[in-house]
Every structure is written in structure tokens, then in C-alpha cells.
């Protein structure tokens, strides 16, 4: 239930009605006890968390009923949305303070932030980097192969068009050469 049914959600934050305050409009200034007073009782009896674990029956004098959804009970009292300090999950309950004994209808399941999304994002980024690297390597190899084939084809064309005598290769240079030193006066 958005803003505990006591306000409007604007830009991700609750704008509470006159006598309500808090992050989820869970604090009632004019109410007898309010949501915060019974938060630990609900945490203890329904979810077995919080500071009252083991002493729920002594500390909590409210009748707490476990329900699938509080939506059908909203007309019976004040809807409260709280955050469980142990696991940062939110839970909802309806608080009915009308009779001499307080009646609470609490949702059986908490709403917890999903954590596996971060792992999937990290794995996706790593796989993306590896895929980009592999693609770049394949492109480089393809371009190098194309360049090598062009050079080899050019070499073969030049080899076929070259005309030289069968006894002499125009590329071949003699290993021995004779030099004449004009400044040397001796005969040799």
C-alpha cells in the first residue's frame, strides 16, 4: 500500500496527510499508539525477527492475525508499512485500535529488494567485454588475412609477368664483387 494509505507518492517520496508523518506516513500524531508501537510485535510474531524474539507473548498484548494480503483489511483500520531493520525488507499490516484489544492483520510475506540483479549485471558486463574483445580479434585476423592474400596475389602476378633469361634471375645479385680503388698506386 503506497504511503500506508495516508498520503500520495510524489517523485518517490510520500507526501503525508495532515496528522501523519514518517517515510511511509506510518507515524500518527493524533492516534492512540500508532504503527511504530506495534512494529516490533509484528516482526516478532509473524517473521520471528527483532528485539522481542522469545518474549512476544509477554510484550505484545495485541491479537495478530497472519493474512495473505492486507488489501481486503484496509477498511478495518490504519494500514502500516514498515521496514524490518534486520533484512531491509518492507512488511505491511493493518492496525485496528477501535476495540479494547488491538487487532492486527499482518501480511505473511515481506517484500525484499532483489539482490541477484547485481550479479547478473556484473556477469553481463564481463561477458560483453569478452565478446567485444573476441570480435575485435576476429576483425583484426580477417583484415590481416585479406592483406596477406592481396600481397601474395601481387607477388604471383609480378612473378608471371617478369621476363628474364632462364639462366639469370633479375633479382639475384652476385655474392662477389670487384672494386677498383683509384687512389691505390700499386698494381694488382
C-alpha atoms as a PDB file:
ATOM      1  CA  UNK A   1       0.000   0.000   0.000  1.00  0.00           C
ATOM      2  CA  UNK A   2       1.533   3.273  -1.091  1.00  0.00           C
ATOM      3  CA  UNK A   3       2.361   5.614   1.804  1.00  0.00           C
ATOM      4  CA  UNK A   4       0.420   3.407   4.270  1.00  0.00           C
ATOM      5  CA  UNK A   5      -2.804   4.652   2.672  1.00  0.00           C
ATOM      6  CA  UNK A   6      -2.291   8.064   4.333  1.00  0.00           C
ATOM      7  CA  UNK A   7      -0.625  10.079   1.617  1.00  0.00           C
ATOM      8  CA  UNK A   8       0.416  10.350  -2.011  1.00  0.00           C
ATOM      9  CA  UNK A   9       3.677   9.204  -3.574  1.00  0.00           C
ATOM     10  CA  UNK A  10       5.323  12.076  -5.453  1.00  0.00           C
ATOM     11  CA  UNK A  11       8.733  11.609  -7.070  1.00  0.00           C
ATOM     12  CA  UNK A  12       9.450   8.503  -4.993  1.00  0.00           C
ATOM     13  CA  UNK A  13       8.640  10.110  -1.614  1.00  0.00           C
ATOM     14  CA  UNK A  14       5.461  10.136   0.433  1.00  0.00           C
ATOM     15  CA  UNK A  15       3.594  13.395   0.921  1.00  0.00           C
ATOM     16  CA  UNK A  16       1.529  12.615   4.025  1.00  0.00           C
ATOM     17  CA  UNK A  17      -1.924  13.797   5.066  1.00  0.00           C
ATOM     18  CA  UNK A  18      -2.216  16.333   7.935  1.00  0.00           C
ATOM     19  CA  UNK A  19      -1.774  14.244  11.103  1.00  0.00           C
ATOM     20  CA  UNK A  20       0.644  11.652   9.625  1.00  0.00           C
ATOM     21  CA  UNK A  21       4.409  11.764   9.160  1.00  0.00           C
ATOM     22  CA  UNK A  22       7.386   9.472   8.568  1.00  0.00           C
ATOM     23  CA  UNK A  23       8.948   7.966   5.458  1.00  0.00           C
ATOM     24  CA  UNK A  24       5.827   5.885   4.711  1.00  0.00           C
ATOM     25  CA  UNK A  25       3.307   8.111   6.594  1.00  0.00           C
ATOM     26  CA  UNK A  26       3.391   5.490   9.351  1.00  0.00           C
ATOM     27  CA  UNK A  27       3.532   7.890  12.317  1.00  0.00           C
ATOM     28  CA  UNK A  28       0.158   9.167  13.500  1.00  0.00           C
ATOM     29  CA  UNK A  29       0.429  12.217  15.749  1.00  0.00           C
ATOM     30  CA  UNK A  30      -3.187  12.088  16.957  1.00  0.00           C
ATOM     31  CA  UNK A  31      -3.595   8.299  17.177  1.00  0.00           C
ATOM     32  CA  UNK A  32      -3.628   6.331  20.425  1.00  0.00           C
ATOM     33  CA  UNK A  33      -0.460   4.308  19.815  1.00  0.00           C
ATOM     34  CA  UNK A  34       0.262   4.142  16.069  1.00  0.00           C
ATOM     35  CA  UNK A  35       2.165   1.848  13.797  1.00  0.00           C
ATOM     36  CA  UNK A  36       5.612   2.201  15.336  1.00  0.00           C
ATOM     37  CA  UNK A  37       4.358   0.959  18.704  1.00  0.00           C
ATOM     38  CA  UNK A  38       3.341  -2.415  17.210  1.00  0.00           C
ATOM     39  CA  UNK A  39       6.140  -2.764  14.639  1.00  0.00           C
ATOM     40  CA  UNK A  40       8.316  -4.991  16.839  1.00  0.00           C
ATOM     41  CA  UNK A  41       5.310  -7.122  17.863  1.00  0.00           C
ATOM     42  CA  UNK A  42       4.512  -7.854  14.220  1.00  0.00           C
ATOM     43  CA  UNK A  43       8.184  -8.540  13.466  1.00  0.00           C
ATOM     44  CA  UNK A  44       8.350 -10.947  16.409  1.00  0.00           C
ATOM     45  CA  UNK A  45       5.080 -12.868  15.978  1.00  0.00           C
ATOM     46  CA  UNK A  46       4.891 -13.060  12.178  1.00  0.00           C
ATOM     47  CA  UNK A  47       8.516 -13.023  10.989  1.00  0.00           C
ATOM     48  CA  UNK A  48      10.387 -14.086  14.173  1.00  0.00           C
ATOM     49  CA  UNK A  49      12.826 -11.167  13.951  1.00  0.00           C
ATOM     50  CA  UNK A  50      13.525  -8.067  16.002  1.00  0.00           C
ATOM     51  CA  UNK A  51      14.308  -7.283  19.641  1.00  0.00           C
ATOM     52  CA  UNK A  52      11.236  -9.054  21.100  1.00  0.00           C
ATOM     53  CA  UNK A  53      12.066 -12.568  19.817  1.00  0.00           C
ATOM     54  CA  UNK A  54      11.377 -15.044  22.620  1.00  0.00           C
ATOM     55  CA  UNK A  55       9.205 -12.642  24.625  1.00  0.00           C
ATOM     56  CA  UNK A  56       6.466 -11.781  22.105  1.00  0.00           C
ATOM     57  CA  UNK A  57       3.578 -13.026  24.255  1.00  0.00           C
ATOM     58  CA  UNK A  58       4.679 -11.006  27.302  1.00  0.00           C
ATOM     59  CA  UNK A  59       5.464  -7.786  25.441  1.00  0.00           C
ATOM     60  CA  UNK A  60       2.618  -7.728  22.894  1.00  0.00           C
ATOM     61  CA  UNK A  61      -0.995  -7.522  24.037  1.00  0.00           C
ATOM     62  CA  UNK A  62      -2.424  -7.254  20.511  1.00  0.00           C
ATOM     63  CA  UNK A  63      -4.114 -10.057  18.586  1.00  0.00           C
ATOM     64  CA  UNK A  64      -2.053 -10.544  15.434  1.00  0.00           C
ATOM     65  CA  UNK A  65      -3.569 -12.455  12.521  1.00  0.00           C
ATOM     66  CA  UNK A  66      -1.459 -13.699   9.609  1.00  0.00           C
ATOM     67  CA  UNK A  67      -3.066 -12.879   6.195  1.00  0.00           C
ATOM     68  CA  UNK A  68      -2.007 -13.231   2.549  1.00  0.00           C
ATOM     69  CA  UNK A  69      -2.713  -9.589   1.705  1.00  0.00           C
ATOM     70  CA  UNK A  70      -3.782  -6.602   3.806  1.00  0.00           C
ATOM     71  CA  UNK A  71      -5.741  -5.005   0.963  1.00  0.00           C
ATOM     72  CA  UNK A  72      -9.017  -6.627   2.000  1.00  0.00           C
ATOM     73  CA  UNK A  73      -8.493  -5.451   5.620  1.00  0.00           C
ATOM     74  CA  UNK A  74      -7.664  -1.787   4.889  1.00  0.00           C
ATOM     75  CA  UNK A  75     -11.189  -0.629   5.742  1.00  0.00           C
ATOM     76  CA  UNK A  76     -10.842  -2.071   9.274  1.00  0.00           C
ATOM     77  CA  UNK A  77      -8.119   0.288  10.472  1.00  0.00           C
ATOM     78  CA  UNK A  78      -4.841   2.013   9.778  1.00  0.00           C
ATOM     79  CA  UNK A  79      -2.548   0.486   7.161  1.00  0.00           C
ATOM     80  CA  UNK A  80       1.091   0.446   8.233  1.00  0.00           C
ATOM     81  CA  UNK A  81       4.156  -0.162   6.065  1.00  0.00           C
ATOM     82  CA  UNK A  82       7.390  -0.744   7.969  1.00  0.00           C
ATOM     83  CA  UNK A  83      10.978  -1.700   7.209  1.00  0.00           C
ATOM     84  CA  UNK A  84      12.464  -4.698   9.025  1.00  0.00           C
ATOM     85  CA  UNK A  85      15.814  -3.479  10.347  1.00  0.00           C
ATOM     86  CA  UNK A  86      17.320  -6.984  10.148  1.00  0.00           C
ATOM     87  CA  UNK A  87      16.998  -7.519   6.377  1.00  0.00           C
ATOM     88  CA  UNK A  88      15.770  -4.181   4.898  1.00  0.00           C
ATOM     89  CA  UNK A  89      12.549  -5.833   3.706  1.00  0.00           C
ATOM     90  CA  UNK A  90       9.231  -3.995   3.966  1.00  0.00           C
ATOM     91  CA  UNK A  91       6.127  -5.505   5.509  1.00  0.00           C
ATOM     92  CA  UNK A  92       2.537  -4.311   5.756  1.00  0.00           C
ATOM     93  CA  UNK A  93      -0.138  -4.688   8.397  1.00  0.00           C
ATOM     94  CA  UNK A  94      -3.489  -3.176   9.290  1.00  0.00           C
ATOM     95  CA  UNK A  95      -3.832  -1.818  12.817  1.00  0.00           C
ATOM     96  CA  UNK A  96      -7.324  -1.717  14.357  1.00  0.00           C
ATOM     97  CA  UNK A  97      -7.311   0.151  17.672  1.00  0.00           C
ATOM     98  CA  UNK A  98     -11.090   0.569  17.859  1.00  0.00           C
ATOM     99  CA  UNK A  99     -11.888  -2.082  20.467  1.00  0.00           C
ATOM    100  CA  UNK A 100     -10.376  -2.585  23.914  1.00  0.00           C
ATOM    101  CA  UNK A 101      -7.919  -5.135  22.470  1.00  0.00           C
ATOM    102  CA  UNK A 102      -5.867  -4.105  19.457  1.00  0.00           C
ATOM    103  CA  UNK A 103      -6.349  -6.295  16.360  1.00  0.00           C
ATOM    104  CA  UNK A 104      -3.550  -6.502  13.761  1.00  0.00           C
ATOM    105  CA  UNK A 105      -3.758  -8.141  10.322  1.00  0.00           C
ATOM    106  CA  UNK A 106      -0.202  -8.717   9.056  1.00  0.00           C
ATOM    107  CA  UNK A 107       0.935  -9.919   5.644  1.00  0.00           C
ATOM    108  CA  UNK A 108       2.658 -13.274   5.721  1.00  0.00           C
ATOM    109  CA  UNK A 109       5.297 -12.355   3.122  1.00  0.00           C
ATOM    110  CA  UNK A 110       7.734  -9.457   3.269  1.00  0.00           C
ATOM    111  CA  UNK A 111       8.793  -7.522   0.190  1.00  0.00           C
ATOM    112  CA  UNK A 112      12.569  -7.675  -0.113  1.00  0.00           C
ATOM    113  CA  UNK A 113      14.876  -5.946  -2.590  1.00  0.00           C
ATOM    114  CA  UNK A 114      16.187  -8.299  -5.252  1.00  0.00           C
ATOM    115  CA  UNK A 115      19.903  -8.925  -4.917  1.00  0.00           C
ATOM    116  CA  UNK A 116      20.506 -11.351  -7.778  1.00  0.00           C
ATOM    117  CA  UNK A 117      20.103  -8.475 -10.228  1.00  0.00           C
ATOM    118  CA  UNK A 118      23.551  -7.125  -9.340  1.00  0.00           C
ATOM    119  CA  UNK A 119      25.216 -10.451 -10.043  1.00  0.00           C
ATOM    120  CA  UNK A 120      23.512 -10.691 -13.433  1.00  0.00           C
ATOM    121  CA  UNK A 121      24.624  -7.171 -14.326  1.00  0.00           C
ATOM    122  CA  UNK A 122      28.243  -7.901 -13.383  1.00  0.00           C
ATOM    123  CA  UNK A 123      28.268 -11.170 -15.347  1.00  0.00           C
ATOM    124  CA  UNK A 124      26.644  -9.423 -18.313  1.00  0.00           C
ATOM    125  CA  UNK A 125      29.265  -6.654 -18.319  1.00  0.00           C
ATOM    126  CA  UNK A 126      32.124  -9.184 -18.143  1.00  0.00           C
ATOM    127  CA  UNK A 127      30.641 -11.290 -20.953  1.00  0.00           C
ATOM    128  CA  UNK A 128      30.083  -8.149 -23.013  1.00  0.00           C
ATOM    129  CA  UNK A 129      33.730  -7.097 -22.640  1.00  0.00           C
ATOM    130  CA  UNK A 130      34.933 -10.596 -23.585  1.00  0.00           C
ATOM    131  CA  UNK A 131      32.594 -10.678 -26.606  1.00  0.00           C
ATOM    132  CA  UNK A 132      33.780  -7.257 -27.810  1.00  0.00           C
ATOM    133  CA  UNK A 133      37.420  -8.348 -27.392  1.00  0.00           C
ATOM    134  CA  UNK A 134      36.816 -11.568 -29.331  1.00  0.00           C
ATOM    135  CA  UNK A 135      35.011  -9.646 -32.086  1.00  0.00           C
ATOM    136  CA  UNK A 136      37.911  -7.182 -32.378  1.00  0.00           C
ATOM    137  CA  UNK A 137      40.408 -10.062 -32.603  1.00  0.00           C
ATOM    138  CA  UNK A 138      38.347 -11.734 -35.338  1.00  0.00           C
ATOM    139  CA  UNK A 139      38.117  -8.473 -37.301  1.00  0.00           C
ATOM    140  CA  UNK A 140      41.878  -7.942 -36.984  1.00  0.00           C
ATOM    141  CA  UNK A 141      42.576 -11.521 -38.144  1.00  0.00           C
ATOM    142  CA  UNK A 142      40.194 -11.126 -41.095  1.00  0.00           C
ATOM    143  CA  UNK A 143      41.833  -7.852 -42.193  1.00  0.00           C
ATOM    144  CA  UNK A 144      45.334  -9.353 -41.820  1.00  0.00           C
ATOM    145  CA  UNK A 145      44.332 -12.393 -43.920  1.00  0.00           C
ATOM    146  CA  UNK A 146      42.853 -10.175 -46.645  1.00  0.00           C
ATOM    147  CA  UNK A 147      46.032  -8.049 -46.715  1.00  0.00           C
ATOM    148  CA  UNK A 148      48.248 -11.167 -46.898  1.00  0.00           C
ATOM    149  CA  UNK A 149      46.221 -12.595 -49.795  1.00  0.00           C
ATOM    150  CA  UNK A 150      46.440  -9.305 -51.712  1.00  0.00           C
ATOM    151  CA  UNK A 151      50.214  -9.169 -51.265  1.00  0.00           C
ATOM    152  CA  UNK A 152      50.603 -12.824 -52.307  1.00  0.00           C
ATOM    153  CA  UNK A 153      48.417 -12.288 -55.391  1.00  0.00           C
ATOM    154  CA  UNK A 154      50.507  -9.212 -56.307  1.00  0.00           C
ATOM    155  CA  UNK A 155      53.703 -11.265 -55.898  1.00  0.00           C
ATOM    156  CA  UNK A 156      52.368 -14.033 -58.139  1.00  0.00           C
ATOM    157  CA  UNK A 157      51.330 -11.508 -60.832  1.00  0.00           C
ATOM    158  CA  UNK A 158      54.770  -9.925 -60.795  1.00  0.00           C
ATOM    159  CA  UNK A 159      56.386 -13.340 -60.970  1.00  0.00           C
ATOM    160  CA  UNK A 160      54.303 -14.327 -64.001  1.00  0.00           C
ATOM    161  CA  UNK A 161      54.881 -11.061 -65.860  1.00  0.00           C
ATOM    162  CA  UNK A 162      58.633 -10.988 -65.207  1.00  0.00           C
ATOM    163  CA  UNK A 163      60.744 -11.817 -68.249  1.00  0.00           C
ATOM    164  CA  UNK A 164      64.214 -12.971 -67.690  1.00  0.00           C
ATOM    165  CA  UNK A 165      66.574 -15.419 -69.186  1.00  0.00           C
ATOM    166  CA  UNK A 166      66.391 -18.900 -67.747  1.00  0.00           C
ATOM    167  CA  UNK A 167      69.991 -18.702 -66.646  1.00  0.00           C
ATOM    168  CA  UNK A 168      69.719 -15.401 -64.807  1.00  0.00           C
ATOM    169  CA  UNK A 169      67.284 -14.089 -62.225  1.00  0.00           C
ATOM    170  CA  UNK A 170      66.981 -10.267 -62.278  1.00  0.00           C
ATOM    171  CA  UNK A 171      66.567 -10.213 -58.522  1.00  0.00           C
ATOM    172  CA  UNK A 172      69.783 -12.229 -57.974  1.00  0.00           C
ATOM    173  CA  UNK A 173      72.970 -10.282 -57.174  1.00  0.00           C
ATOM    174  CA  UNK A 174      76.385 -11.790 -57.380  1.00  0.00           C
ATOM    175  CA  UNK A 175      77.963 -12.523 -53.993  1.00  0.00           C
ATOM    176  CA  UNK A 176      81.458 -11.444 -55.105  1.00  0.00           C
ATOM    177  CA  UNK A 177      82.173  -8.004 -56.444  1.00  0.00           C
ATOM    178  CA  UNK A 178      85.332  -6.330 -57.609  1.00  0.00           C
ATOM    179  CA  UNK A 179      86.172  -2.801 -56.551  1.00  0.00           C
ATOM    180  CA  UNK A 180      88.803  -0.536 -58.092  1.00  0.00           C
ATOM    181  CA  UNK A 181      90.451   1.931 -55.745  1.00  0.00           C
ATOM    182  CA  UNK A 182      91.632   4.823 -57.911  1.00  0.00           C
ATOM    183  CA  UNK A 183      93.947   6.202 -55.218  1.00  0.00           C
ATOM    184  CA  UNK A 184      95.870   2.971 -54.848  1.00  0.00           C
ATOM    185  CA  UNK A 185      99.089   3.262 -56.755  1.00  0.00           C
ATOM    186  CA  UNK A 186     100.150  -0.339 -56.771  1.00  0.00           C
ATOM    187  CA  UNK A 187      99.438  -2.847 -59.379  1.00  0.00           C
ATOM    188  CA  UNK A 188      97.289  -5.629 -58.530  1.00  0.00           C
END
